Protein backbone atom coordinates (compact mmCIF):
# COMPACT_ATOMS: atom_id res chain seq x y z
CA MET A 1 -72.92 8.19 -135.01
CA ASP A 2 -75.67 9.72 -132.86
CA ARG A 3 -77.94 9.97 -135.89
CA GLN A 4 -77.35 6.29 -136.72
CA ILE A 5 -78.20 5.27 -133.16
CA GLU A 6 -81.39 7.34 -133.25
CA ASP A 7 -82.45 5.82 -136.59
CA LEU A 8 -81.77 2.28 -135.40
CA ILE A 9 -83.74 2.81 -132.19
CA LYS A 10 -86.66 4.16 -134.24
CA GLN A 11 -86.50 0.98 -136.34
CA GLY A 12 -87.14 -0.99 -133.15
CA LEU A 13 -83.72 -2.57 -132.64
CA SER A 14 -82.59 -3.25 -129.08
CA ARG A 15 -79.54 -1.47 -127.66
CA HIS A 16 -77.55 -4.71 -127.79
CA GLU A 17 -78.41 -5.23 -131.48
CA ILE A 18 -77.41 -1.64 -132.23
CA PHE A 19 -74.09 -2.19 -130.46
CA GLU A 20 -73.38 -5.39 -132.40
CA GLN A 21 -74.24 -3.65 -135.68
CA LEU A 22 -72.15 -0.51 -135.07
CA LYS A 23 -69.12 -1.93 -133.25
CA LYS A 24 -67.40 -2.78 -136.54
CA GLN A 25 -67.66 0.88 -137.62
CA SER A 26 -66.48 2.29 -134.30
CA GLY A 27 -62.84 2.55 -133.33
CA ASN A 28 -63.67 2.79 -129.62
CA GLN A 29 -66.19 0.22 -128.41
CA MET A 30 -66.36 1.66 -124.89
CA ARG A 31 -67.32 5.10 -126.24
CA LEU A 32 -69.91 3.50 -128.56
CA ALA A 33 -71.37 1.55 -125.61
CA GLN A 34 -71.58 4.75 -123.58
CA LYS A 35 -73.33 6.60 -126.43
CA ILE A 36 -75.86 3.81 -126.83
CA ALA A 37 -76.46 3.48 -123.07
CA THR A 38 -76.92 7.23 -122.53
CA PHE A 39 -79.11 7.77 -125.58
CA GLU A 40 -82.63 8.58 -124.46
CA PRO A 41 -85.19 8.78 -127.27
CA GLY A 42 -88.17 9.77 -125.14
CA SER A 43 -88.83 12.51 -122.64
CA SER A 44 -88.34 12.21 -118.91
CA SER A 45 -91.17 11.65 -116.48
CA THR A 46 -92.62 14.62 -114.62
CA GLN A 47 -91.25 13.31 -111.34
CA THR A 48 -87.71 13.05 -112.76
CA VAL A 49 -87.89 16.58 -114.16
CA LEU A 50 -89.08 17.85 -110.78
CA LEU A 51 -86.26 16.01 -108.99
CA ASN A 52 -83.79 17.49 -111.45
CA ARG A 53 -85.07 21.01 -110.71
CA VAL A 54 -84.71 20.37 -106.97
CA LEU A 55 -81.17 19.12 -107.65
CA ILE A 56 -80.33 22.30 -109.59
CA VAL A 57 -81.59 24.44 -106.71
CA LEU A 58 -79.62 22.28 -104.26
CA CYS A 59 -76.50 22.72 -106.41
CA LEU A 60 -76.89 26.50 -106.33
CA LEU A 61 -77.62 26.46 -102.59
CA GLN A 62 -74.55 24.33 -101.94
CA ALA A 63 -72.41 26.72 -104.02
CA CYS A 64 -73.73 29.78 -102.17
CA PHE A 65 -73.09 28.09 -98.84
CA GLY A 66 -69.58 27.12 -99.93
CA ILE A 67 -68.79 30.65 -101.10
CA TRP A 68 -70.07 32.03 -97.80
CA VAL A 69 -67.92 29.56 -95.85
CA ILE A 70 -64.84 30.48 -97.87
CA HIS A 71 -65.53 34.20 -97.56
CA SER A 72 -66.15 34.12 -93.83
CA ASN A 73 -63.50 31.58 -92.77
CA VAL A 74 -60.71 31.44 -95.37
CA VAL A 75 -60.48 35.00 -96.71
CA PRO A 76 -59.65 36.51 -93.28
CA MET A 77 -56.74 34.04 -92.86
CA ASP A 78 -55.35 34.08 -96.44
CA GLU A 79 -57.04 36.58 -98.72
CA GLU A 80 -55.50 35.50 -102.02
CA PHE A 81 -56.19 31.79 -101.44
CA GLY A 82 -59.74 32.57 -100.29
CA TRP A 83 -60.59 34.56 -103.39
CA GLN A 84 -59.10 31.85 -105.60
CA GLY A 85 -61.38 29.36 -103.85
CA ILE A 86 -64.40 31.57 -104.43
CA VAL A 87 -63.61 31.93 -108.14
CA ALA A 88 -63.01 28.18 -108.50
CA THR A 89 -66.29 27.39 -106.74
CA PHE A 90 -68.14 29.85 -108.97
CA ILE A 91 -66.68 28.37 -112.17
CA LEU A 92 -67.33 24.76 -111.10
CA THR A 93 -70.90 25.67 -110.19
CA ILE A 94 -71.48 27.01 -113.69
CA PHE A 95 -70.23 23.74 -115.22
CA TYR A 96 -72.30 21.58 -112.84
CA PHE A 97 -75.37 23.74 -113.40
CA VAL A 98 -75.09 23.34 -117.19
CA GLY A 99 -74.56 19.57 -116.89
CA LEU A 100 -77.55 19.15 -114.58
CA PHE A 101 -79.72 21.47 -116.66
CA ARG A 102 -78.93 19.48 -119.82
CA MET A 103 -79.67 16.28 -117.88
CA SER A 104 -76.41 14.72 -119.10
CA PHE A 105 -74.86 11.59 -117.64
CA THR A 106 -71.51 13.33 -117.27
CA GLY A 107 -73.14 16.20 -115.36
CA TYR A 108 -74.67 13.83 -112.81
CA ALA A 109 -71.54 11.69 -112.44
CA SER A 110 -69.22 14.67 -111.98
CA PHE A 111 -71.59 16.34 -109.52
CA MET A 112 -71.70 13.12 -107.45
CA LEU A 113 -67.89 13.02 -107.33
CA PHE A 114 -67.86 16.71 -106.36
CA CYS A 115 -70.29 16.00 -103.51
CA ILE A 116 -68.04 13.19 -102.24
CA THR A 117 -65.10 15.62 -102.24
CA VAL A 118 -67.13 18.26 -100.43
CA VAL A 119 -68.21 15.77 -97.75
CA ALA A 120 -64.57 14.85 -97.18
CA SER A 121 -63.46 18.47 -96.91
CA TYR A 122 -66.23 19.44 -94.47
CA ALA A 123 -65.53 16.34 -92.38
CA TYR A 124 -61.86 17.32 -92.25
CA PHE A 125 -62.71 20.75 -90.79
CA PHE A 126 -65.30 19.41 -88.32
CA ASN A 127 -63.13 20.16 -85.25
CA HIS A 128 -62.72 23.81 -86.24
CA PHE A 129 -66.24 24.60 -87.54
CA PRO A 130 -68.69 21.92 -86.31
CA VAL A 131 -72.01 23.61 -87.20
CA VAL A 132 -70.81 24.74 -90.61
CA SER A 133 -69.38 21.26 -91.26
CA ILE A 134 -72.63 19.52 -90.35
CA VAL A 135 -74.69 21.77 -92.63
CA GLY A 136 -72.14 21.38 -95.44
CA VAL A 137 -72.09 17.60 -95.11
CA LEU A 138 -75.90 17.44 -95.12
CA LEU A 139 -76.11 19.60 -98.26
CA ALA A 140 -73.43 17.58 -100.04
CA VAL A 141 -74.92 14.20 -99.09
CA ALA A 142 -78.39 15.35 -100.18
CA GLY A 143 -76.97 16.59 -103.48
CA GLY A 144 -75.03 13.39 -104.11
CA VAL A 145 -77.94 11.09 -103.29
CA LEU A 146 -80.39 13.12 -105.37
CA SER A 147 -77.92 13.25 -108.26
CA TYR A 148 -77.46 9.48 -108.13
CA SER A 149 -81.23 8.96 -107.96
CA VAL A 150 -81.91 11.09 -111.04
CA LYS A 151 -78.96 9.55 -112.92
CA VAL A 152 -80.24 6.02 -112.28
CA ARG A 153 -83.72 6.97 -113.48
CA LEU A 154 -82.48 8.61 -116.67
CA PHE A 155 -79.66 6.19 -117.50
CA PRO A 156 -80.56 2.71 -116.18
CA HIS A 157 -77.93 1.02 -118.36
CA MET A 158 -75.07 2.95 -116.80
CA GLY A 159 -73.14 2.08 -113.66
CA PHE A 160 -71.60 4.59 -111.28
CA LEU A 161 -69.32 6.15 -113.89
CA ASP A 162 -69.49 3.95 -117.00
CA VAL A 163 -71.49 1.30 -118.88
CA ARG A 164 -72.25 -1.78 -116.80
CA LYS A 165 -70.66 -5.11 -117.75
CA ASP A 166 -71.53 -8.72 -116.94
CA GLU A 167 -69.17 -11.44 -115.68
CA ARG A 168 -67.85 -12.16 -119.19
CA GLY A 169 -67.04 -8.49 -119.84
CA ASP A 170 -69.93 -7.89 -122.24
CA TYR A 171 -71.81 -4.61 -121.97
CA ILE A 172 -75.26 -4.73 -120.36
CA PHE A 173 -77.83 -2.68 -122.31
CA GLU A 174 -81.15 -4.24 -121.38
């Protein structure tokens, strides 16, 4: 399917025309719309690549900060739970890093949702660790905003988590 989409884009067809042509062959129109909307034939601009690199560094910085917070605040209270949190953070960071490095829509969307979760968790612990919470919230908000910014630049036909639709329920590709 990806090869067909690439060939049709090279022929000069619009994304909407490609969707209309391939929707009879596809069993899942939503998945087809997502493939067409996230297909990028050209390369990214230099500014977008630079923003993506800053986002990757921010992702790693946020993970290091989170591991430090868990190690210094959770491990002394409950060692087993603390180490499980460190391992989970490490594994999630690997997945987010790969998604951001590949510049995939799913990587950006999942990292944004992760940042929202992190903001909520740091806000919850604000009374106990105010300075740590403020720094954590700032890192998470910066990561979420930067992730959304890069995602919108790379995938303008996508909404927050899926392909945009108009009032009639038709997919918006152009």
